[in-house]
Amino acid sequence: MPFDTASDSGLVLERWQQTALTLTHRHLELYSATVDRLADAHVEAVRATKLLALLPLAESHAAIWRECADTYVTTVRGLIER
């Protein structure tokens, strides 16, 4: 579909960029939520094994997953907001 004016193409580009930005933010939210759920599941799986000596290790591992995910999300958001 051809554009009638340069302003039409500029408007389309602006809408496309806004949509891409919105989708990226949504993807980051889903990524963070997924990592949180996986970390929780990891800890719960260790609890279910009744090997409580491993629980501190599982909790530390889950905390590292969350911290890495949070750092990734913060970094990407910082880059796309420039």
N, C-alpha and C. Protein backbone atom coordinates (compact mmCIF):
# COMPACT_ATOMS: atom_id res chain seq x y z
N MET A 1 0.84 -1.17 0.00
CA MET A 1 0.00 0.00 0.00
C MET A 1 0.89 1.24 0.00
N PRO A 2 0.84 2.03 -1.04
CA PRO A 2 1.69 3.23 -1.11
C PRO A 2 1.17 4.31 -0.15
N PHE A 3 2.11 5.14 0.29
CA PHE A 3 1.77 6.25 1.17
C PHE A 3 1.56 7.50 0.33
N ASP A 4 0.56 8.29 0.72
CA ASP A 4 0.25 9.51 -0.02
C ASP A 4 1.26 10.62 0.28
N THR A 5 1.68 10.71 1.52
CA THR A 5 2.60 11.79 1.89
C THR A 5 3.68 11.26 2.82
N ALA A 6 4.68 12.07 3.01
CA ALA A 6 5.75 11.71 3.94
C ALA A 6 5.23 11.65 5.37
N SER A 7 4.22 12.45 5.69
CA SER A 7 3.67 12.45 7.05
C SER A 7 2.96 11.13 7.34
N ASP A 8 2.33 10.52 6.32
CA ASP A 8 1.70 9.22 6.51
C ASP A 8 2.74 8.16 6.86
N SER A 9 3.85 8.16 6.13
CA SER A 9 4.88 7.17 6.39
C SER A 9 5.52 7.42 7.75
N GLY A 10 5.66 8.67 8.15
CA GLY A 10 6.19 9.00 9.47
C GLY A 10 5.27 8.53 10.58
N LEU A 11 3.98 8.66 10.37
CA LEU A 11 3.00 8.21 11.36
C LEU A 11 3.02 6.69 11.48
N VAL A 12 3.12 6.01 10.35
CA VAL A 12 3.19 4.55 10.36
C VAL A 12 4.44 4.09 11.09
N LEU A 13 5.57 4.72 10.81
CA LEU A 13 6.82 4.37 11.47
C LEU A 13 6.72 4.61 12.97
N GLU A 14 6.15 5.73 13.37
CA GLU A 14 6.00 6.03 14.78
C GLU A 14 5.12 4.99 15.48
N ARG A 15 4.03 4.60 14.85
CA ARG A 15 3.14 3.57 15.42
C ARG A 15 3.86 2.23 15.52
N TRP A 16 4.62 1.89 14.48
CA TRP A 16 5.36 0.63 14.48
C TRP A 16 6.37 0.62 15.62
N GLN A 17 7.09 1.72 15.80
CA GLN A 17 8.08 1.80 16.87
C GLN A 17 7.42 1.69 18.24
N GLN A 18 6.27 2.34 18.41
CA GLN A 18 5.56 2.27 19.69
C GLN A 18 5.07 0.85 19.96
N THR A 19 4.57 0.19 18.93
CA THR A 19 4.11 -1.20 19.07
C THR A 19 5.27 -2.12 19.44
N ALA A 20 6.40 -1.94 18.76
CA ALA A 20 7.58 -2.76 19.05
C ALA A 20 8.06 -2.53 20.48
N LEU A 21 8.04 -1.29 20.93
CA LEU A 21 8.45 -0.97 22.30
C LEU A 21 7.50 -1.60 23.31
N THR A 22 6.21 -1.51 23.06
CA THR A 22 5.22 -2.11 23.95
C THR A 22 5.39 -3.62 24.03
N LEU A 23 5.60 -4.24 22.88
CA LEU A 23 5.79 -5.70 22.86
C LEU A 23 7.08 -6.11 23.57
N THR A 24 8.11 -5.33 23.43
CA THR A 24 9.37 -5.62 24.11
C THR A 24 9.20 -5.55 25.62
N HIS A 25 8.52 -4.52 26.09
CA HIS A 25 8.26 -4.41 27.53
C HIS A 25 7.42 -5.58 28.03
N ARG A 26 6.42 -5.98 27.26
CA ARG A 26 5.58 -7.11 27.65
C ARG A 26 6.39 -8.40 27.68
N HIS A 27 7.25 -8.58 26.70
CA HIS A 27 8.12 -9.76 26.67
C HIS A 27 9.01 -9.80 27.92
N LEU A 28 9.56 -8.66 28.29
CA LEU A 28 10.42 -8.60 29.48
C LEU A 28 9.64 -8.94 30.75
N GLU A 29 8.40 -8.46 30.84
CA GLU A 29 7.56 -8.79 31.99
C GLU A 29 7.30 -10.29 32.06
N LEU A 30 6.98 -10.88 30.92
CA LEU A 30 6.72 -12.33 30.87
C LEU A 30 7.98 -13.13 31.21
N TYR A 31 9.11 -12.68 30.72
CA TYR A 31 10.38 -13.34 31.02
C TYR A 31 10.64 -13.33 32.52
N SER A 32 10.48 -12.18 33.13
CA SER A 32 10.71 -12.05 34.57
C SER A 32 9.74 -12.92 35.36
N ALA A 33 8.48 -12.92 34.98
CA ALA A 33 7.49 -13.75 35.67
C ALA A 33 7.80 -15.23 35.51
N THR A 34 8.25 -15.63 34.34
CA THR A 34 8.59 -17.03 34.10
C THR A 34 9.77 -17.47 34.94
N VAL A 35 10.79 -16.64 35.02
CA VAL A 35 11.95 -16.96 35.84
C VAL A 35 11.54 -17.08 37.31
N ASP A 36 10.68 -16.18 37.77
CA ASP A 36 10.19 -16.26 39.16
C ASP A 36 9.46 -17.57 39.41
N ARG A 37 8.61 -17.96 38.48
CA ARG A 37 7.86 -19.21 38.65
C ARG A 37 8.78 -20.42 38.63
N LEU A 38 9.75 -20.42 37.73
CA LEU A 38 10.69 -21.54 37.68
C LEU A 38 11.53 -21.62 38.96
N ALA A 39 11.94 -20.48 39.47
CA ALA A 39 12.72 -20.46 40.71
C ALA A 39 11.87 -20.99 41.87
N ASP A 40 10.62 -20.56 41.93
CA ASP A 40 9.73 -21.06 42.99
C ASP A 40 9.53 -22.57 42.86
N ALA A 41 9.35 -23.05 41.64
CA ALA A 41 9.15 -24.47 41.40
C ALA A 41 10.39 -25.27 41.80
N HIS A 42 11.55 -24.71 41.54
CA HIS A 42 12.80 -25.37 41.91
C HIS A 42 12.87 -25.55 43.43
N VAL A 43 12.56 -24.51 44.17
CA VAL A 43 12.58 -24.58 45.63
C VAL A 43 11.52 -25.56 46.14
N GLU A 44 10.34 -25.50 45.57
CA GLU A 44 9.28 -26.42 45.99
C GLU A 44 9.63 -27.87 45.68
N ALA A 45 10.30 -28.11 44.58
CA ALA A 45 10.72 -29.48 44.25
C ALA A 45 11.70 -30.01 45.27
N VAL A 46 12.60 -29.17 45.72
CA VAL A 46 13.56 -29.60 46.74
C VAL A 46 12.82 -29.85 48.06
N ARG A 47 11.87 -29.00 48.39
CA ARG A 47 11.08 -29.23 49.60
C ARG A 47 10.33 -30.57 49.52
N ALA A 48 9.82 -30.88 48.35
CA ALA A 48 9.04 -32.11 48.17
C ALA A 48 9.91 -33.36 48.32
N THR A 49 11.19 -33.24 48.07
CA THR A 49 12.08 -34.40 48.21
C THR A 49 12.38 -34.70 49.67
N LYS A 50 12.04 -33.79 50.54
CA LYS A 50 12.30 -33.95 51.99
C LYS A 50 13.80 -33.97 52.31
N LEU A 51 14.61 -33.48 51.39
CA LEU A 51 16.04 -33.34 51.64
C LEU A 51 16.30 -31.90 52.06
N LEU A 52 15.94 -31.60 53.28
CA LEU A 52 15.98 -30.22 53.75
C LEU A 52 17.39 -29.65 53.82
N ALA A 53 18.39 -30.51 53.82
CA ALA A 53 19.77 -30.01 53.81
C ALA A 53 20.08 -29.29 52.50
N LEU A 54 19.35 -29.63 51.43
CA LEU A 54 19.57 -28.99 50.14
C LEU A 54 18.76 -27.71 49.97
N LEU A 55 17.85 -27.45 50.88
CA LEU A 55 16.97 -26.29 50.75
C LEU A 55 17.72 -24.95 50.68
N PRO A 56 18.71 -24.71 51.55
CA PRO A 56 19.44 -23.44 51.43
C PRO A 56 20.13 -23.27 50.06
N LEU A 57 20.65 -24.37 49.53
CA LEU A 57 21.28 -24.31 48.22
C LEU A 57 20.26 -23.98 47.13
N ALA A 58 19.09 -24.61 47.19
CA ALA A 58 18.04 -24.35 46.21
C ALA A 58 17.54 -22.91 46.31
N GLU A 59 17.40 -22.41 47.52
CA GLU A 59 16.95 -21.02 47.70
C GLU A 59 17.99 -20.04 47.17
N SER A 60 19.26 -20.33 47.40
CA SER A 60 20.33 -19.47 46.88
C SER A 60 20.34 -19.50 45.35
N HIS A 61 20.16 -20.68 44.80
CA HIS A 61 20.14 -20.82 43.36
C HIS A 61 18.96 -20.04 42.77
N ALA A 62 17.80 -20.14 43.39
CA ALA A 62 16.63 -19.40 42.93
C ALA A 62 16.86 -17.89 43.02
N ALA A 63 17.51 -17.46 44.09
CA ALA A 63 17.80 -16.03 44.24
C ALA A 63 18.74 -15.54 43.15
N ILE A 64 19.71 -16.36 42.77
CA ILE A 64 20.63 -15.99 41.69
C ILE A 64 19.87 -15.89 40.37
N TRP A 65 18.98 -16.85 40.09
CA TRP A 65 18.15 -16.79 38.87
C TRP A 65 17.38 -15.48 38.82
N ARG A 66 16.74 -15.14 39.94
CA ARG A 66 15.93 -13.91 39.98
C ARG A 66 16.80 -12.67 39.77
N GLU A 67 17.94 -12.65 40.43
CA GLU A 67 18.84 -11.50 40.31
C GLU A 67 19.34 -11.33 38.87
N CYS A 68 19.70 -12.43 38.24
CA CYS A 68 20.14 -12.37 36.85
C CYS A 68 19.03 -11.88 35.93
N ALA A 69 17.82 -12.39 36.14
CA ALA A 69 16.68 -11.96 35.33
C ALA A 69 16.39 -10.48 35.54
N ASP A 70 16.42 -10.04 36.79
CA ASP A 70 16.16 -8.62 37.08
C ASP A 70 17.22 -7.73 36.44
N THR A 71 18.47 -8.15 36.51
CA THR A 71 19.55 -7.37 35.90
C THR A 71 19.38 -7.30 34.39
N TYR A 72 19.03 -8.43 33.78
CA TYR A 72 18.81 -8.46 32.33
C TYR A 72 17.67 -7.53 31.94
N VAL A 73 16.55 -7.62 32.63
CA VAL A 73 15.38 -6.80 32.31
C VAL A 73 15.72 -5.31 32.48
N THR A 74 16.38 -4.96 33.57
CA THR A 74 16.75 -3.57 33.81
C THR A 74 17.69 -3.06 32.72
N THR A 75 18.66 -3.88 32.33
CA THR A 75 19.63 -3.48 31.30
C THR A 75 18.95 -3.27 29.96
N VAL A 76 18.10 -4.20 29.56
CA VAL A 76 17.43 -4.08 28.27
C VAL A 76 16.51 -2.87 28.27
N ARG A 77 15.78 -2.66 29.34
CA ARG A 77 14.90 -1.48 29.40
C ARG A 77 15.71 -0.19 29.33
N GLY A 78 16.86 -0.18 29.97
CA GLY A 78 17.73 0.99 29.91
C GLY A 78 18.22 1.25 28.49
N LEU A 79 18.51 0.19 27.76
CA LEU A 79 18.99 0.35 26.39
C LEU A 79 17.90 0.82 25.45
N ILE A 80 16.69 0.31 25.60
CA ILE A 80 15.63 0.69 24.66
C ILE A 80 15.02 2.03 24.98
N GLU A 81 15.25 2.55 26.16
CA GLU A 81 14.70 3.86 26.51
C GLU A 81 15.62 5.01 26.10
N ARG A 82 16.76 4.70 25.56
CA ARG A 82 17.70 5.76 25.16
C ARG A 82 17.23 6.49 23.95
